[in-house]
Amino acid sequence: MRDRKWNKPIRGEWASALESYISMQAEVVPPGWKRVTETLQAMGLKSIGSGSRSKMLLEMIQKGILERKQFRVADSSGRRIMPIDHYRLVSKGK
C-alpha cells in the first residue's frame, strides 16, 4: 500500500485503530500493475477524458494485449478501501 496520510492529523487511539484497520484491509498491488491514468501515461496518452480511452483499453483486453484486475486499495483520503481497476501487459509466455 502506498504511504498515505490522513488529510487531518490522527488524534487518539480510536483514530489510530481505524487507520490500522483500513491499512490491514488494503491489498498490496504487485509490481507491473498500473492504475488507468498510469497505464495511459505509459502509452504516451493523456488521462481518460472521453469514452474512447476506456473503449481502447477494453479492446486491448479483449485482444489479449492487456489484463485487468481490481485491487482493494485505500482512496486518496486514506479513510476507506475501494476496488480500483489496474492493468498490466500480458506476458508473451502466456
N, C-alpha and C. Protein backbone atom coordinates (compact mmCIF):
# COMPACT_ATOMS: atom_id res chain seq x y z
N MET A 1 0.84 -1.19 0.00
CA MET A 1 0.00 0.00 0.00
C MET A 1 0.88 1.24 0.00
N ARG A 2 0.43 2.22 -0.69
CA ARG A 2 1.17 3.47 -0.68
C ARG A 2 1.10 4.10 0.69
N ASP A 3 2.08 4.88 1.01
CA ASP A 3 2.08 5.58 2.28
C ASP A 3 1.16 6.78 2.15
N ARG A 4 -0.03 6.66 2.65
CA ARG A 4 -1.00 7.75 2.56
C ARG A 4 -1.18 8.33 3.95
N LYS A 5 -1.32 9.61 4.00
CA LYS A 5 -1.54 10.29 5.27
C LYS A 5 -2.95 10.84 5.30
N TRP A 6 -3.49 10.91 6.47
CA TRP A 6 -4.81 11.49 6.64
C TRP A 6 -4.75 12.97 6.27
N ASN A 7 -5.85 13.50 5.76
CA ASN A 7 -5.91 14.93 5.48
C ASN A 7 -5.82 15.73 6.77
N LYS A 8 -6.37 15.16 7.83
CA LYS A 8 -6.30 15.80 9.15
C LYS A 8 -5.42 14.91 10.02
N PRO A 9 -4.71 15.51 10.95
CA PRO A 9 -3.83 14.70 11.80
C PRO A 9 -4.64 13.67 12.61
N ILE A 10 -4.04 12.51 12.78
CA ILE A 10 -4.68 11.48 13.59
C ILE A 10 -4.51 11.86 15.05
N ARG A 11 -5.60 11.74 15.77
CA ARG A 11 -5.56 12.07 17.20
C ARG A 11 -6.19 10.94 17.99
N GLY A 12 -5.50 10.45 18.92
CA GLY A 12 -6.05 9.47 19.84
C GLY A 12 -6.01 8.04 19.34
N GLU A 13 -6.27 7.16 20.28
CA GLU A 13 -6.17 5.73 19.98
C GLU A 13 -7.29 5.24 19.07
N TRP A 14 -8.47 5.87 19.07
CA TRP A 14 -9.57 5.45 18.21
C TRP A 14 -9.23 5.71 16.75
N ALA A 15 -8.69 6.87 16.48
CA ALA A 15 -8.30 7.20 15.10
C ALA A 15 -7.15 6.30 14.64
N SER A 16 -6.23 6.01 15.52
CA SER A 16 -5.12 5.11 15.18
C SER A 16 -5.63 3.70 14.90
N ALA A 17 -6.63 3.26 15.68
CA ALA A 17 -7.21 1.94 15.45
C ALA A 17 -7.88 1.88 14.09
N LEU A 18 -8.59 2.94 13.71
CA LEU A 18 -9.23 2.99 12.40
C LEU A 18 -8.20 2.94 11.28
N GLU A 19 -7.15 3.72 11.39
CA GLU A 19 -6.10 3.72 10.38
C GLU A 19 -5.46 2.34 10.26
N SER A 20 -5.23 1.69 11.37
CA SER A 20 -4.64 0.35 11.36
C SER A 20 -5.57 -0.65 10.68
N TYR A 21 -6.85 -0.57 10.99
CA TYR A 21 -7.84 -1.47 10.39
C TYR A 21 -7.90 -1.28 8.88
N ILE A 22 -7.95 -0.04 8.43
CA ILE A 22 -8.03 0.25 6.99
C ILE A 22 -6.79 -0.25 6.28
N SER A 23 -5.63 -0.04 6.85
CA SER A 23 -4.39 -0.49 6.19
C SER A 23 -4.34 -2.02 6.12
N MET A 24 -4.96 -2.73 7.07
CA MET A 24 -4.99 -4.19 7.02
C MET A 24 -5.92 -4.69 5.91
N GLN A 25 -6.94 -3.91 5.56
CA GLN A 25 -7.91 -4.30 4.54
C GLN A 25 -7.38 -4.11 3.12
N ALA A 26 -6.44 -3.21 2.96
CA ALA A 26 -5.93 -2.89 1.62
C ALA A 26 -5.06 -4.02 1.10
N GLU A 27 -5.15 -4.24 -0.21
CA GLU A 27 -4.31 -5.24 -0.86
C GLU A 27 -3.03 -4.58 -1.34
N VAL A 28 -1.98 -5.37 -1.40
CA VAL A 28 -0.72 -4.89 -1.96
C VAL A 28 -0.79 -5.13 -3.47
N VAL A 29 -0.60 -4.07 -4.23
CA VAL A 29 -0.63 -4.19 -5.69
C VAL A 29 0.74 -4.69 -6.15
N PRO A 30 0.77 -5.85 -6.82
CA PRO A 30 2.06 -6.40 -7.26
C PRO A 30 2.73 -5.50 -8.31
N PRO A 31 4.05 -5.60 -8.44
CA PRO A 31 4.76 -4.83 -9.46
C PRO A 31 4.21 -5.15 -10.85
N GLY A 32 4.19 -4.15 -11.70
CA GLY A 32 3.73 -4.34 -13.07
C GLY A 32 2.28 -3.93 -13.30
N TRP A 33 1.50 -3.84 -12.24
CA TRP A 33 0.10 -3.42 -12.34
C TRP A 33 0.02 -1.92 -12.18
N LYS A 34 -0.74 -1.25 -13.06
CA LYS A 34 -0.87 0.21 -13.03
C LYS A 34 -2.33 0.62 -13.02
N ARG A 35 -2.61 1.72 -12.35
CA ARG A 35 -3.94 2.31 -12.42
C ARG A 35 -4.16 2.86 -13.82
N VAL A 36 -5.40 3.19 -14.15
CA VAL A 36 -5.73 3.60 -15.51
C VAL A 36 -4.91 4.80 -15.97
N THR A 37 -4.76 5.82 -15.13
CA THR A 37 -4.01 7.00 -15.56
C THR A 37 -2.54 6.66 -15.79
N GLU A 38 -1.98 5.81 -14.93
CA GLU A 38 -0.58 5.39 -15.09
C GLU A 38 -0.42 4.56 -16.37
N THR A 39 -1.41 3.72 -16.67
CA THR A 39 -1.39 2.89 -17.88
C THR A 39 -1.38 3.78 -19.11
N LEU A 40 -2.27 4.75 -19.14
CA LEU A 40 -2.35 5.64 -20.31
C LEU A 40 -1.09 6.48 -20.44
N GLN A 41 -0.55 6.97 -19.33
CA GLN A 41 0.68 7.75 -19.38
C GLN A 41 1.84 6.90 -19.91
N ALA A 42 1.89 5.62 -19.53
CA ALA A 42 2.95 4.74 -20.02
C ALA A 42 2.85 4.53 -21.53
N MET A 43 1.63 4.68 -22.07
CA MET A 43 1.41 4.57 -23.52
C MET A 43 1.59 5.91 -24.22
N GLY A 44 1.91 6.94 -23.45
CA GLY A 44 2.09 8.26 -24.04
C GLY A 44 0.79 9.00 -24.29
N LEU A 45 -0.28 8.60 -23.58
CA LEU A 45 -1.59 9.22 -23.75
C LEU A 45 -1.97 10.01 -22.51
N LYS A 46 -2.92 10.91 -22.69
CA LYS A 46 -3.45 11.67 -21.56
C LYS A 46 -4.46 10.81 -20.81
N SER A 47 -4.85 11.27 -19.63
CA SER A 47 -5.82 10.51 -18.84
C SER A 47 -7.18 10.48 -19.54
N ILE A 48 -8.03 9.64 -19.02
CA ILE A 48 -9.35 9.45 -19.63
C ILE A 48 -10.13 10.75 -19.61
N GLY A 49 -10.55 11.20 -20.78
CA GLY A 49 -11.37 12.39 -20.91
C GLY A 49 -12.66 12.06 -21.63
N SER A 50 -12.64 10.93 -22.31
CA SER A 50 -13.83 10.50 -23.04
C SER A 50 -13.90 8.99 -23.01
N GLY A 51 -14.96 8.46 -23.53
CA GLY A 51 -15.13 7.01 -23.56
C GLY A 51 -14.19 6.32 -24.51
N SER A 52 -13.54 7.08 -25.40
CA SER A 52 -12.67 6.44 -26.39
C SER A 52 -11.47 5.74 -25.74
N ARG A 53 -10.93 6.32 -24.67
CA ARG A 53 -9.79 5.69 -23.98
C ARG A 53 -10.24 4.41 -23.28
N SER A 54 -11.40 4.45 -22.64
CA SER A 54 -11.94 3.26 -21.98
C SER A 54 -12.21 2.16 -22.99
N LYS A 55 -12.76 2.54 -24.13
CA LYS A 55 -13.05 1.58 -25.19
C LYS A 55 -11.76 0.96 -25.71
N MET A 56 -10.73 1.78 -25.88
CA MET A 56 -9.45 1.29 -26.36
C MET A 56 -8.87 0.27 -25.38
N LEU A 57 -8.90 0.58 -24.07
CA LEU A 57 -8.38 -0.35 -23.06
C LEU A 57 -9.17 -1.66 -23.08
N LEU A 58 -10.49 -1.56 -23.19
CA LEU A 58 -11.33 -2.76 -23.24
C LEU A 58 -10.99 -3.61 -24.46
N GLU A 59 -10.79 -2.98 -25.61
CA GLU A 59 -10.42 -3.71 -26.83
C GLU A 59 -9.06 -4.39 -26.67
N MET A 60 -8.12 -3.70 -26.01
CA MET A 60 -6.79 -4.29 -25.79
C MET A 60 -6.88 -5.50 -24.86
N ILE A 61 -7.82 -5.46 -23.91
CA ILE A 61 -8.04 -6.61 -23.02
C ILE A 61 -8.62 -7.76 -23.83
N GLN A 62 -9.62 -7.46 -24.65
CA GLN A 62 -10.28 -8.50 -25.46
C GLN A 62 -9.32 -9.15 -26.45
N LYS A 63 -8.34 -8.40 -26.94
CA LYS A 63 -7.37 -8.93 -27.91
C LYS A 63 -6.19 -9.61 -27.22
N GLY A 64 -6.18 -9.62 -25.88
CA GLY A 64 -5.13 -10.32 -25.15
C GLY A 64 -3.85 -9.53 -24.98
N ILE A 65 -3.92 -8.21 -25.18
CA ILE A 65 -2.73 -7.37 -25.04
C ILE A 65 -2.56 -6.91 -23.60
N LEU A 66 -3.68 -6.57 -22.97
CA LEU A 66 -3.70 -6.12 -21.57
C LEU A 66 -4.52 -7.08 -20.73
N GLU A 67 -4.26 -7.02 -19.45
CA GLU A 67 -5.00 -7.77 -18.45
C GLU A 67 -5.51 -6.75 -17.43
N ARG A 68 -6.74 -6.95 -16.93
CA ARG A 68 -7.30 -6.02 -15.94
C ARG A 68 -7.68 -6.81 -14.69
N LYS A 69 -7.40 -6.21 -13.55
CA LYS A 69 -7.75 -6.82 -12.27
C LYS A 69 -8.05 -5.70 -11.27
N GLN A 70 -9.02 -5.94 -10.41
CA GLN A 70 -9.31 -4.96 -9.37
C GLN A 70 -8.55 -5.32 -8.10
N PHE A 71 -7.95 -4.29 -7.51
CA PHE A 71 -7.30 -4.43 -6.21
C PHE A 71 -7.99 -3.49 -5.24
N ARG A 72 -8.17 -3.95 -4.02
CA ARG A 72 -8.79 -3.11 -3.00
C ARG A 72 -7.69 -2.25 -2.36
N VAL A 73 -7.75 -0.96 -2.65
CA VAL A 73 -6.72 -0.04 -2.16
C VAL A 73 -7.37 1.14 -1.45
N ALA A 74 -6.59 1.82 -0.63
CA ALA A 74 -7.08 2.99 0.08
C ALA A 74 -7.29 4.13 -0.90
N ASP A 75 -8.38 4.87 -0.72
CA ASP A 75 -8.59 6.05 -1.57
C ASP A 75 -7.65 7.16 -1.13
N SER A 76 -7.72 8.27 -1.82
CA SER A 76 -6.75 9.35 -1.55
C SER A 76 -6.88 9.93 -0.15
N SER A 77 -8.05 9.78 0.49
CA SER A 77 -8.20 10.30 1.85
C SER A 77 -7.56 9.35 2.86
N GLY A 78 -7.40 8.08 2.48
CA GLY A 78 -6.86 7.09 3.41
C GLY A 78 -7.88 6.60 4.40
N ARG A 79 -9.16 6.97 4.21
CA ARG A 79 -10.20 6.62 5.18
C ARG A 79 -11.11 5.49 4.74
N ARG A 80 -10.94 5.01 3.49
CA ARG A 80 -11.76 3.88 3.05
C ARG A 80 -11.02 3.09 1.98
N ILE A 81 -11.46 1.86 1.81
CA ILE A 81 -10.89 0.96 0.83
C ILE A 81 -11.87 0.85 -0.34
N MET A 82 -11.34 0.94 -1.55
CA MET A 82 -12.19 0.86 -2.74
C MET A 82 -11.55 -0.09 -3.76
N PRO A 83 -12.38 -0.84 -4.51
CA PRO A 83 -11.81 -1.64 -5.59
C PRO A 83 -11.46 -0.74 -6.76
N ILE A 84 -10.22 -0.79 -7.19
CA ILE A 84 -9.72 0.07 -8.27
C ILE A 84 -9.16 -0.83 -9.38
N ASP A 85 -9.56 -0.56 -10.63
CA ASP A 85 -9.03 -1.31 -11.76
C ASP A 85 -7.55 -1.01 -11.94
N HIS A 86 -6.79 -2.07 -12.19
CA HIS A 86 -5.37 -1.97 -12.51
C HIS A 86 -5.13 -2.78 -13.78
N TYR A 87 -4.13 -2.39 -14.54
CA TYR A 87 -3.83 -3.02 -15.82
C TYR A 87 -2.37 -3.42 -15.88
N ARG A 88 -2.10 -4.46 -16.67
CA ARG A 88 -0.71 -4.81 -16.97
C ARG A 88 -0.67 -5.45 -18.35
N LEU A 89 0.50 -5.42 -18.94
CA LEU A 89 0.70 -6.07 -20.23
C LEU A 89 0.66 -7.58 -20.03
N VAL A 90 0.04 -8.29 -20.95
CA VAL A 90 0.02 -9.74 -20.89
C VAL A 90 1.40 -10.23 -21.32
N SER A 91 1.98 -11.09 -20.52
CA SER A 91 3.31 -11.59 -20.88
C SER A 91 3.21 -12.48 -22.12
N LYS A 92 4.22 -12.44 -22.95
CA LYS A 92 4.22 -13.18 -24.21
C LYS A 92 4.28 -14.69 -23.98
N GLY A 93 4.69 -15.11 -22.79
CA GLY A 93 4.78 -16.53 -22.49
C GLY A 93 3.43 -17.17 -22.19
N LYS A 94 2.37 -16.36 -22.04
CA LYS A 94 1.06 -16.93 -21.70
C LYS A 94 0.40 -17.58 -22.88
